[in-house]
Amino acid sequence: GERLRDLRSEAGITSQEKLAELAGVHRTYVGRLERGES
């Protein structure tokens, strides 16, 4: 989760929602991944 968050920031993607949209996954899934919950 920490690695995904760092890479998202480095990629200039400011929100989990935008990353989810680009990746074709649900926005809450990205949040759960970044928090280490899933």
PDB file of all heavy atoms in Angstrom:
ATOM      1  N   GLY A   1       0.812  -1.215   0.000  1.00  0.00           N
ATOM      2  CA  GLY A   1       0.000   0.000   0.000  1.00  0.00           C
ATOM      3  C   GLY A   1       0.844   1.262   0.000  1.00  0.00           C
ATOM      4  O   GLY A   1       0.565   2.213  -0.739  1.00  0.00           O
ATOM      5  N   GLU A   2       1.874   1.277   0.820  1.00  0.00           N
ATOM      6  CA  GLU A   2       2.771   2.434   0.871  1.00  0.00           C
ATOM      7  C   GLU A   2       3.457   2.640  -0.476  1.00  0.00           C
ATOM      8  O   GLU A   2       3.589   3.768  -0.946  1.00  0.00           O
ATOM      9  CB  GLU A   2       3.815   2.252   1.964  1.00  0.00           C
ATOM     10  CG  GLU A   2       3.258   2.367   3.358  1.00  0.00           C
ATOM     11  CD  GLU A   2       4.289   2.004   4.427  1.00  0.00           C
ATOM     12  OE1 GLU A   2       5.501   1.939   4.121  1.00  0.00           O
ATOM     13  OE2 GLU A   2       3.860   1.777   5.576  1.00  0.00           O
ATOM     14  N   ARG A   3       3.871   1.540  -1.090  1.00  0.00           N
ATOM     15  CA  ARG A   3       4.543   1.635  -2.394  1.00  0.00           C
ATOM     16  C   ARG A   3       3.581   2.168  -3.450  1.00  0.00           C
ATOM     17  O   ARG A   3       3.954   3.033  -4.254  1.00  0.00           O
ATOM     18  CB  ARG A   3       5.076   0.251  -2.798  1.00  0.00           C
ATOM     19  CG  ARG A   3       5.807   0.224  -4.112  1.00  0.00           C
ATOM     20  CD  ARG A   3       7.154   0.898  -4.031  1.00  0.00           C
ATOM     21  NE  ARG A   3       7.853   0.727  -5.295  1.00  0.00           N
ATOM     22  CZ  ARG A   3       8.572   1.663  -5.870  1.00  0.00           C
ATOM     23  NH1 ARG A   3       8.751   2.833  -5.281  1.00  0.00           N
ATOM     24  NH2 ARG A   3       9.159   1.448  -7.022  1.00  0.00           N
ATOM     25  N   LEU A   4       2.352   1.681  -3.463  1.00  0.00           N
ATOM     26  CA  LEU A   4       1.368   2.179  -4.424  1.00  0.00           C
ATOM     27  C   LEU A   4       1.109   3.672  -4.214  1.00  0.00           C
ATOM     28  O   LEU A   4       1.039   4.442  -5.175  1.00  0.00           O
ATOM     29  CB  LEU A   4       0.056   1.396  -4.303  1.00  0.00           C
ATOM     30  CG  LEU A   4       0.070  -0.018  -4.862  1.00  0.00           C
ATOM     31  CD1 LEU A   4      -1.219  -0.744  -4.501  1.00  0.00           C
ATOM     32  CD2 LEU A   4       0.285  -0.002  -6.368  1.00  0.00           C
ATOM     33  N   ARG A   5       0.959   4.093  -2.971  1.00  0.00           N
ATOM     34  CA  ARG A   5       0.715   5.509  -2.665  1.00  0.00           C
ATOM     35  C   ARG A   5       1.879   6.372  -3.143  1.00  0.00           C
ATOM     36  O   ARG A   5       1.683   7.419  -3.769  1.00  0.00           O
ATOM     37  CB  ARG A   5       0.495   5.696  -1.171  1.00  0.00           C
ATOM     38  CG  ARG A   5       0.055   7.103  -0.790  1.00  0.00           C
ATOM     39  CD  ARG A   5      -0.185   7.279   0.713  1.00  0.00           C
ATOM     40  NE  ARG A   5      -0.886   6.171   1.330  1.00  0.00           N
ATOM     41  CZ  ARG A   5      -0.316   5.291   2.176  1.00  0.00           C
ATOM     42  NH1 ARG A   5       0.949   5.388   2.511  1.00  0.00           N
ATOM     43  NH2 ARG A   5      -1.031   4.315   2.701  1.00  0.00           N
ATOM     44  N   ASP A   6       3.110   5.938  -2.863  1.00  0.00           N
ATOM     45  CA  ASP A   6       4.290   6.691  -3.296  1.00  0.00           C
ATOM     46  C   ASP A   6       4.348   6.806  -4.815  1.00  0.00           C
ATOM     47  O   ASP A   6       4.626   7.882  -5.355  1.00  0.00           O
ATOM     48  CB  ASP A   6       5.568   6.041  -2.777  1.00  0.00           C
ATOM     49  CG  ASP A   6       5.730   6.147  -1.265  1.00  0.00           C
ATOM     50  OD1 ASP A   6       5.014   6.964  -0.639  1.00  0.00           O
ATOM     51  OD2 ASP A   6       6.560   5.405  -0.715  1.00  0.00           O
ATOM     52  N   LEU A   7       4.092   5.701  -5.504  1.00  0.00           N
ATOM     53  CA  LEU A   7       4.148   5.718  -6.969  1.00  0.00           C
ATOM     54  C   LEU A   7       3.033   6.571  -7.565  1.00  0.00           C
ATOM     55  O   LEU A   7       3.240   7.263  -8.561  1.00  0.00           O
ATOM     56  CB  LEU A   7       4.085   4.294  -7.525  1.00  0.00           C
ATOM     57  CG  LEU A   7       5.340   3.456  -7.291  1.00  0.00           C
ATOM     58  CD1 LEU A   7       5.082   2.003  -7.667  1.00  0.00           C
ATOM     59  CD2 LEU A   7       6.521   4.019  -8.080  1.00  0.00           C
ATOM     60  N   ARG A   8       1.854   6.539  -6.939  1.00  0.00           N
ATOM     61  CA  ARG A   8       0.749   7.378  -7.419  1.00  0.00           C
ATOM     62  C   ARG A   8       1.137   8.843  -7.335  1.00  0.00           C
ATOM     63  O   ARG A   8       0.939   9.619  -8.271  1.00  0.00           O
ATOM     64  CB  ARG A   8      -0.525   7.111  -6.622  1.00  0.00           C
ATOM     65  CG  ARG A   8      -1.694   8.006  -7.039  1.00  0.00           C
ATOM     66  CD  ARG A   8      -2.988   7.606  -6.354  1.00  0.00           C
ATOM     67  NE  ARG A   8      -2.952   7.603  -4.907  1.00  0.00           N
ATOM     68  CZ  ARG A   8      -3.087   8.693  -4.142  1.00  0.00           C
ATOM     69  NH1 ARG A   8      -3.259   9.881  -4.686  1.00  0.00           N
ATOM     70  NH2 ARG A   8      -3.067   8.577  -2.831  1.00  0.00           N
ATOM     71  N   SER A   9       1.730   9.209  -6.226  1.00  0.00           N
ATOM     72  CA  SER A   9       2.175  10.585  -6.037  1.00  0.00           C
ATOM     73  C   SER A   9       3.249  10.963  -7.058  1.00  0.00           C
ATOM     74  O   SER A   9       3.183  12.031  -7.671  1.00  0.00           O
ATOM     75  CB  SER A   9       2.705  10.760  -4.613  1.00  0.00           C
ATOM     76  OG  SER A   9       3.169  12.066  -4.415  1.00  0.00           O
ATOM     77  N   GLU A  10       4.218  10.077  -7.251  1.00  0.00           N
ATOM     78  CA  GLU A  10       5.282  10.329  -8.226  1.00  0.00           C
ATOM     79  C   GLU A  10       4.739  10.457  -9.642  1.00  0.00           C
ATOM     80  O   GLU A  10       5.288  11.201 -10.456  1.00  0.00           O
ATOM     81  CB  GLU A  10       6.325   9.207  -8.172  1.00  0.00           C
ATOM     82  CG  GLU A  10       7.176   9.216  -6.928  1.00  0.00           C
ATOM     83  CD  GLU A  10       8.099   8.003  -6.842  1.00  0.00           C
ATOM     84  OE1 GLU A  10       8.347   7.362  -7.883  1.00  0.00           O
ATOM     85  OE2 GLU A  10       8.553   7.705  -5.732  1.00  0.00           O
ATOM     86  N   ALA A  11       3.656   9.740  -9.930  1.00  0.00           N
ATOM     87  CA  ALA A  11       3.046   9.788 -11.259  1.00  0.00           C
ATOM     88  C   ALA A  11       2.208  11.049 -11.457  1.00  0.00           C
ATOM     89  O   ALA A  11       1.692  11.293 -12.551  1.00  0.00           O
ATOM     90  CB  ALA A  11       2.184   8.549 -11.489  1.00  0.00           C
ATOM     91  N   GLY A  12       2.050  11.828 -10.393  1.00  0.00           N
ATOM     92  CA  GLY A  12       1.272  13.048 -10.496  1.00  0.00           C
ATOM     93  C   GLY A  12      -0.231  12.824 -10.465  1.00  0.00           C
ATOM     94  O   GLY A  12      -1.008  13.702 -10.834  1.00  0.00           O
ATOM     95  N   ILE A  13      -0.637  11.651 -10.005  1.00  0.00           N
ATOM     96  CA  ILE A  13      -2.063  11.341  -9.876  1.00  0.00           C
ATOM     97  C   ILE A  13      -2.444  11.700  -8.450  1.00  0.00           C
ATOM     98  O   ILE A  13      -2.050  11.029  -7.501  1.00  0.00           O
ATOM     99  CB  ILE A  13      -2.349   9.865 -10.191  1.00  0.00           C
ATOM    100  CG1 ILE A  13      -1.883   9.534 -11.616  1.00  0.00           C
ATOM    101  CG2 ILE A  13      -3.835   9.551 -10.019  1.00  0.00           C
ATOM    102  CD1 ILE A  13      -1.915   8.067 -11.967  1.00  0.00           C
ATOM    103  N   THR A  14      -3.200  12.784  -8.309  1.00  0.00           N
ATOM    104  CA  THR A  14      -3.425  13.352  -6.986  1.00  0.00           C
ATOM    105  C   THR A  14      -4.505  12.669  -6.174  1.00  0.00           C
ATOM    106  O   THR A  14      -4.575  12.859  -4.963  1.00  0.00           O
ATOM    107  CB  THR A  14      -3.761  14.849  -7.102  1.00  0.00           C
ATOM    108  OG1 THR A  14      -4.916  14.993  -7.934  1.00  0.00           O
ATOM    109  CG2 THR A  14      -2.592  15.617  -7.696  1.00  0.00           C
ATOM    110  N   SER A  15      -5.345  11.870  -6.816  1.00  0.00           N
ATOM    111  CA  SER A  15      -6.419  11.239  -6.043  1.00  0.00           C
ATOM    112  C   SER A  15      -6.504   9.745  -6.322  1.00  0.00           C
ATOM    113  O   SER A  15      -6.188   9.270  -7.414  1.00  0.00           O
ATOM    114  CB  SER A  15      -7.774  11.886  -6.350  1.00  0.00           C
ATOM    115  OG  SER A  15      -8.215  11.522  -7.641  1.00  0.00           O
ATOM    116  N   GLN A  16      -6.954   9.035  -5.306  1.00  0.00           N
ATOM    117  CA  GLN A  16      -7.207   7.606  -5.463  1.00  0.00           C
ATOM    118  C   GLN A  16      -8.316   7.387  -6.486  1.00  0.00           C
ATOM    119  O   GLN A  16      -8.277   6.427  -7.246  1.00  0.00           O
ATOM    120  CB  GLN A  16      -7.611   7.000  -4.111  1.00  0.00           C
ATOM    121  CG  GLN A  16      -6.523   7.025  -3.085  1.00  0.00           C
ATOM    122  CD  GLN A  16      -6.996   6.614  -1.708  1.00  0.00           C
ATOM    123  OE1 GLN A  16      -8.195   6.576  -1.432  1.00  0.00           O
ATOM    124  NE2 GLN A  16      -6.057   6.308  -0.822  1.00  0.00           N
ATOM    125  N   GLU A  17      -9.279   8.284  -6.490  1.00  0.00           N
ATOM    126  CA  GLU A  17     -10.400   8.170  -7.422  1.00  0.00           C
ATOM    127  C   GLU A  17      -9.924   8.228  -8.876  1.00  0.00           C
ATOM    128  O   GLU A  17     -10.364   7.443  -9.715  1.00  0.00           O
ATOM    129  CB  GLU A  17     -11.419   9.269  -7.149  1.00  0.00           C
ATOM    130  CG  GLU A  17     -12.681   9.128  -7.964  1.00  0.00           C
ATOM    131  CD  GLU A  17     -13.764  10.102  -7.525  1.00  0.00           C
ATOM    132  OE1 GLU A  17     -13.493  11.013  -6.730  1.00  0.00           O
ATOM    133  OE2 GLU A  17     -14.890   9.923  -7.996  1.00  0.00           O
ATOM    134  N   LYS A  18      -8.994   9.139  -9.175  1.00  0.00           N
ATOM    135  CA  LYS A  18      -8.470   9.261 -10.542  1.00  0.00           C
ATOM    136  C   LYS A  18      -7.696   8.002 -10.925  1.00  0.00           C
ATOM    137  O   LYS A  18      -7.837   7.492 -12.040  1.00  0.00           O
ATOM    138  CB  LYS A  18      -7.579  10.503 -10.663  1.00  0.00           C
ATOM    139  CG  LYS A  18      -7.050  10.732 -12.054  1.00  0.00           C
ATOM    140  CD  LYS A  18      -8.169  10.982 -13.048  1.00  0.00           C
ATOM    141  CE  LYS A  18      -7.625  11.263 -14.425  1.00  0.00           C
ATOM    142  NZ  LYS A  18      -8.684  11.389 -15.437  1.00  0.00           N
ATOM    143  N   LEU A  19      -6.889   7.487 -10.007  1.00  0.00           N
ATOM    144  CA  LEU A  19      -6.151   6.259 -10.287  1.00  0.00           C
ATOM    145  C   LEU A  19      -7.110   5.111 -10.561  1.00  0.00           C
ATOM    146  O   LEU A  19      -6.924   4.341 -11.500  1.00  0.00           O
ATOM    147  CB  LEU A  19      -5.211   5.905  -9.130  1.00  0.00           C
ATOM    148  CG  LEU A  19      -4.445   4.593  -9.279  1.00  0.00           C
ATOM    149  CD1 LEU A  19      -3.614   4.569 -10.556  1.00  0.00           C
ATOM    150  CD2 LEU A  19      -3.578   4.352  -8.057  1.00  0.00           C
ATOM    151  N   ALA A  20      -8.146   4.998  -9.745  1.00  0.00           N
ATOM    152  CA  ALA A  20      -9.140   3.935  -9.936  1.00  0.00           C
ATOM    153  C   ALA A  20      -9.787   4.046 -11.308  1.00  0.00           C
ATOM    154  O   ALA A  20      -9.959   3.040 -12.005  1.00  0.00           O
ATOM    155  CB  ALA A  20     -10.194   4.006  -8.838  1.00  0.00           C
ATOM    156  N   GLU A  21     -10.134   5.256 -11.704  1.00  0.00           N
ATOM    157  CA  GLU A  21     -10.748   5.475 -13.015  1.00  0.00           C
ATOM    158  C   GLU A  21      -9.806   5.044 -14.139  1.00  0.00           C
ATOM    159  O   GLU A  21     -10.205   4.339 -15.060  1.00  0.00           O
ATOM    160  CB  GLU A  21     -11.090   6.964 -13.165  1.00  0.00           C
ATOM    161  CG  GLU A  21     -11.680   7.342 -14.498  1.00  0.00           C
ATOM    162  CD  GLU A  21     -11.880   8.848 -14.608  1.00  0.00           C
ATOM    163  OE1 GLU A  21     -12.256   9.489 -13.611  1.00  0.00           O
ATOM    164  OE2 GLU A  21     -11.647   9.384 -15.713  1.00  0.00           O
ATOM    165  N   LEU A  22      -8.541   5.435 -14.039  1.00  0.00           N
ATOM    166  CA  LEU A  22      -7.552   5.086 -15.063  1.00  0.00           C
ATOM    167  C   LEU A  22      -7.298   3.577 -15.124  1.00  0.00           C
ATOM    168  O   LEU A  22      -7.047   3.030 -16.196  1.00  0.00           O
ATOM    169  CB  LEU A  22      -6.233   5.812 -14.797  1.00  0.00           C
ATOM    170  CG  LEU A  22      -6.246   7.334 -14.948  1.00  0.00           C
ATOM    171  CD1 LEU A  22      -4.954   7.937 -14.401  1.00  0.00           C
ATOM    172  CD2 LEU A  22      -6.454   7.712 -16.410  1.00  0.00           C
ATOM    173  N   ALA A  23      -7.359   2.923 -13.964  1.00  0.00           N
ATOM    174  CA  ALA A  23      -7.052   1.488 -13.887  1.00  0.00           C
ATOM    175  C   ALA A  23      -8.273   0.606 -14.122  1.00  0.00           C
ATOM    176  O   ALA A  23      -8.139  -0.598 -14.311  1.00  0.00           O
ATOM    177  CB  ALA A  23      -6.441   1.167 -12.523  1.00  0.00           C
ATOM    178  N   GLY A  24      -9.472   1.197 -14.061  1.00  0.00           N
ATOM    179  CA  GLY A  24     -10.680   0.400 -14.250  1.00  0.00           C
ATOM    180  C   GLY A  24     -11.048  -0.430 -13.035  1.00  0.00           C
ATOM    181  O   GLY A  24     -11.597  -1.522 -13.158  1.00  0.00           O
ATOM    182  N   VAL A  25     -10.717   0.094 -11.856  1.00  0.00           N
ATOM    183  CA  VAL A  25     -11.091  -0.572 -10.609  1.00  0.00           C
ATOM    184  C   VAL A  25     -11.933   0.403  -9.785  1.00  0.00           C
ATOM    185  O   VAL A  25     -11.987   1.590 -10.078  1.00  0.00           O
ATOM    186  CB  VAL A  25      -9.856  -1.055  -9.804  1.00  0.00           C
ATOM    187  CG1 VAL A  25      -9.054  -2.074 -10.606  1.00  0.00           C
ATOM    188  CG2 VAL A  25      -8.971   0.111  -9.390  1.00  0.00           C
ATOM    189  N   HIS A  26     -12.559  -0.097  -8.739  1.00  0.00           N
ATOM    190  CA  HIS A  26     -13.404   0.757  -7.907  1.00  0.00           C
ATOM    191  C   HIS A  26     -12.541   1.658  -7.025  1.00  0.00           C
ATOM    192  O   HIS A  26     -11.490   1.235  -6.536  1.00  0.00           O
ATOM    193  CB  HIS A  26     -14.328  -0.105  -7.038  1.00  0.00           C
ATOM    194  CG  HIS A  26     -15.491   0.659  -6.507  1.00  0.00           C
ATOM    195  ND1 HIS A  26     -15.411   1.400  -5.359  1.00  0.00           N
ATOM    196  CD2 HIS A  26     -16.747   0.806  -6.985  1.00  0.00           C
ATOM    197  CE1 HIS A  26     -16.574   1.977  -5.136  1.00  0.00           C
ATOM    198  NE2 HIS A  26     -17.412   1.632  -6.111  1.00  0.00           N
ATOM    199  N   ARG A  27     -12.998   2.871  -6.810  1.00  0.00           N
ATOM    200  CA  ARG A  27     -12.216   3.849  -6.041  1.00  0.00           C
ATOM    201  C   ARG A  27     -11.960   3.400  -4.612  1.00  0.00           C
ATOM    202  O   ARG A  27     -10.889   3.659  -4.055  1.00  0.00           O
ATOM    203  CB  ARG A  27     -12.876   5.221  -6.070  1.00  0.00           C
ATOM    204  CG  ARG A  27     -14.223   5.272  -5.423  1.00  0.00           C
ATOM    205  CD  ARG A  27     -14.854   6.674  -5.502  1.00  0.00           C
ATOM    206  NE  ARG A  27     -16.213   6.646  -5.027  1.00  0.00           N
ATOM    207  CZ  ARG A  27     -16.553   6.635  -3.743  1.00  0.00           C
ATOM    208  NH1 ARG A  27     -15.621   6.635  -2.822  1.00  0.00           N
ATOM    209  NH2 ARG A  27     -17.821   6.610  -3.391  1.00  0.00           N
ATOM    210  N   THR A  28     -12.918   2.709  -4.005  1.00  0.00           N
ATOM    211  CA  THR A  28     -12.699   2.263  -2.626  1.00  0.00           C
ATOM    212  C   THR A  28     -11.646   1.158  -2.552  1.00  0.00           C
ATOM    213  O   THR A  28     -10.971   1.013  -1.537  1.00  0.00           O
ATOM    214  CB  THR A  28     -14.005   1.781  -1.962  1.00  0.00           C
ATOM    215  OG1 THR A  28     -14.534   0.683  -2.697  1.00  0.00           O
ATOM    216  CG2 THR A  28     -15.024   2.908  -1.880  1.00  0.00           C
ATOM    217  N   TYR A  29     -11.504   0.413  -3.640  1.00  0.00           N
ATOM    218  CA  TYR A  29     -10.494  -0.642  -3.691  1.00  0.00           C
ATOM    219  C   TYR A  29      -9.094  -0.033  -3.616  1.00  0.00           C
ATOM    220  O   TYR A  29      -8.236  -0.520  -2.878  1.00  0.00           O
ATOM    221  CB  TYR A  29     -10.669  -1.467  -4.964  1.00  0.00           C
ATOM    222  CG  TYR A  29      -9.713  -2.623  -5.109  1.00  0.00           C
ATOM    223  CD1 TYR A  29      -9.626  -3.615  -4.151  1.00  0.00           C
ATOM    224  CD2 TYR A  29      -8.903  -2.728  -6.230  1.00  0.00           C
ATOM    225  CE1 TYR A  29      -8.758  -4.690  -4.296  1.00  0.00           C
ATOM    226  CE2 TYR A  29      -8.036  -3.798  -6.388  1.00  0.00           C
ATOM    227  CZ  TYR A  29      -7.958  -4.764  -5.418  1.00  0.00           C
ATOM    228  OH  TYR A  29      -7.101  -5.822  -5.567  1.00  0.00           O
ATOM    229  N   VAL A  30      -8.872   1.040  -4.359  1.00  0.00           N
ATOM    230  CA  VAL A  30      -7.564   1.703  -4.316  1.00  0.00           C
ATOM    231  C   VAL A  30      -7.280   2.196  -2.900  1.00  0.00           C
ATOM    232  O   VAL A  30      -6.172   2.023  -2.384  1.00  0.00           O
ATOM    233  CB  VAL A  30      -7.488   2.861  -5.341  1.00  0.00           C
ATOM    234  CG1 VAL A  30      -6.201   3.664  -5.163  1.00  0.00           C
ATOM    235  CG2 VAL A  30      -7.581   2.315  -6.764  1.00  0.00           C
ATOM    236  N   GLY A  31      -8.267   2.769  -2.256  1.00  0.00           N
ATOM    237  CA  GLY A  31      -8.090   3.231  -0.881  1.00  0.00           C
ATOM    238  C   GLY A  31      -7.751   2.103   0.069  1.00  0.00           C
ATOM    239  O   GLY A  31      -6.853   2.231   0.915  1.00  0.00           O
ATOM    240  N   ARG A  32      -8.460   0.983  -0.070  1.00  0.00           N
ATOM    241  CA  ARG A  32      -8.187  -0.174   0.797  1.00  0.00           C
ATOM    242  C   ARG A  32      -6.787  -0.727   0.548  1.00  0.00           C
ATOM    243  O   ARG A  32      -6.100  -1.136   1.492  1.00  0.00           O
ATOM    244  CB  ARG A  32      -9.241  -1.261   0.586  1.00  0.00           C
ATOM    245  CG  ARG A  32     -10.598  -0.888   1.160  1.00  0.00           C
ATOM    246  CD  ARG A  32     -11.568  -2.072   1.243  1.00  0.00           C
ATOM    247  NE  ARG A  32     -11.484  -3.029   0.167  1.00  0.00           N
ATOM    248  CZ  ARG A  32     -12.247  -3.030  -0.941  1.00  0.00           C
ATOM    249  NH1 ARG A  32     -13.180  -2.116  -1.099  1.00  0.00           N
ATOM    250  NH2 ARG A  32     -12.103  -3.960  -1.853  1.00  0.00           N
ATOM    251  N   LEU A  33      -6.357  -0.721  -0.709  1.00  0.00           N
ATOM    252  CA  LEU A  33      -5.003  -1.188  -1.018  1.00  0.00           C
ATOM    253  C   LEU A  33      -3.963  -0.276  -0.389  1.00  0.00           C
ATOM    254  O   LEU A  33      -3.012  -0.748   0.243  1.00  0.00           O
ATOM    255  CB  LEU A  33      -4.777  -1.255  -2.531  1.00  0.00           C
ATOM    256  CG  LEU A  33      -5.519  -2.332  -3.298  1.00  0.00           C
ATOM    257  CD1 LEU A  33      -5.274  -2.186  -4.792  1.00  0.00           C
ATOM    258  CD2 LEU A  33      -5.121  -3.720  -2.820  1.00  0.00           C
ATOM    259  N   GLU A  34      -4.129   1.021  -0.571  1.00  0.00           N
ATOM    260  CA  GLU A  34      -3.147   1.963  -0.044  1.00  0.00           C
ATOM    261  C   GLU A  34      -3.079   1.942   1.478  1.00  0.00           C
ATOM    262  O   GLU A  34      -2.030   2.213   2.044  1.00  0.00           O
ATOM    263  CB  GLU A  34      -3.430   3.375  -0.555  1.00  0.00           C
ATOM    264  CG  GLU A  34      -3.086   3.546  -2.022  1.00  0.00           C
ATOM    265  CD  GLU A  34      -3.146   4.990  -2.486  1.00  0.00           C
ATOM    266  OE1 GLU A  34      -3.431   5.891  -1.667  1.00  0.00           O
ATOM    267  OE2 GLU A  34      -2.901   5.221  -3.690  1.00  0.00           O
ATOM    268  N   ARG A  35      -4.169   1.615   2.131  1.00  0.00           N
ATOM    269  CA  ARG A  35      -4.167   1.519   3.594  1.00  0.00           C
ATOM    270  C   ARG A  35      -3.723   0.139   4.087  1.00  0.00           C
ATOM    271  O   ARG A  35      -3.605  -0.092   5.293  1.00  0.00           O
ATOM    272  CB  ARG A  35      -5.562   1.834   4.148  1.00  0.00           C
ATOM    273  CG  ARG A  35      -5.962   3.292   4.004  1.00  0.00           C
ATOM    274  CD  ARG A  35      -7.260   3.601   4.716  1.00  0.00           C
ATOM    275  NE  ARG A  35      -8.390   2.783   4.266  1.00  0.00           N
ATOM    276  CZ  ARG A  35      -9.175   3.070   3.230  1.00  0.00           C
ATOM    277  NH1 ARG A  35      -8.963   4.156   2.520  1.00  0.00           N
ATOM    278  NH2 ARG A  35     -10.183   2.281   2.907  1.00  0.00           N
ATOM    279  N   GLY A  36      -3.495  -0.780   3.160  1.00  0.00           N
ATOM    280  CA  GLY A  36      -3.071  -2.124   3.549  1.00  0.00           C
ATOM    281  C   GLY A  36      -4.195  -2.980   4.082  1.00  0.00           C
ATOM    282  O   GLY A  36      -3.963  -3.965   4.767  1.00  0.00           O
ATOM    283  N   GLU A  37      -5.426  -2.633   3.761  1.00  0.00           N
ATOM    284  CA  GLU A  37      -6.587  -3.367   4.264  1.00  0.00           C
ATOM    285  C   GLU A  37      -6.999  -4.521   3.365  1.00  0.00           C
ATOM    286  O   GLU A  37      -7.742  -5.395   3.800  1.00  0.00           O
ATOM    287  CB  GLU A  37      -7.776  -2.416   4.429  1.00  0.00           C
ATOM    288  CG  GLU A  37      -7.546  -1.347   5.470  1.00  0.00           C
ATOM    289  CD  GLU A  37      -8.641  -0.305   5.503  1.00  0.00           C
ATOM    290  OE1 GLU A  37      -9.550  -0.345   4.647  1.00  0.00           O
ATOM    291  OE2 GLU A  37      -8.578   0.574   6.373  1.00  0.00           O
ATOM    292  N   SER A  38      -6.546  -4.520   2.123  1.00  0.00           N
ATOM    293  CA  SER A  38      -6.905  -5.571   1.161  1.00  0.00           C
ATOM    294  C   SER A  38      -5.660  -6.078   0.456  1.00  0.00           C
ATOM    295  O   SER A  38      -4.712  -5.322   0.252  1.00  0.00           O
ATOM    296  CB  SER A  38      -7.857  -5.028   0.087  1.00  0.00           C
ATOM    297  OG  SER A  38      -9.116  -4.762   0.614  1.00  0.00           O
TER     298      SER A  38
END
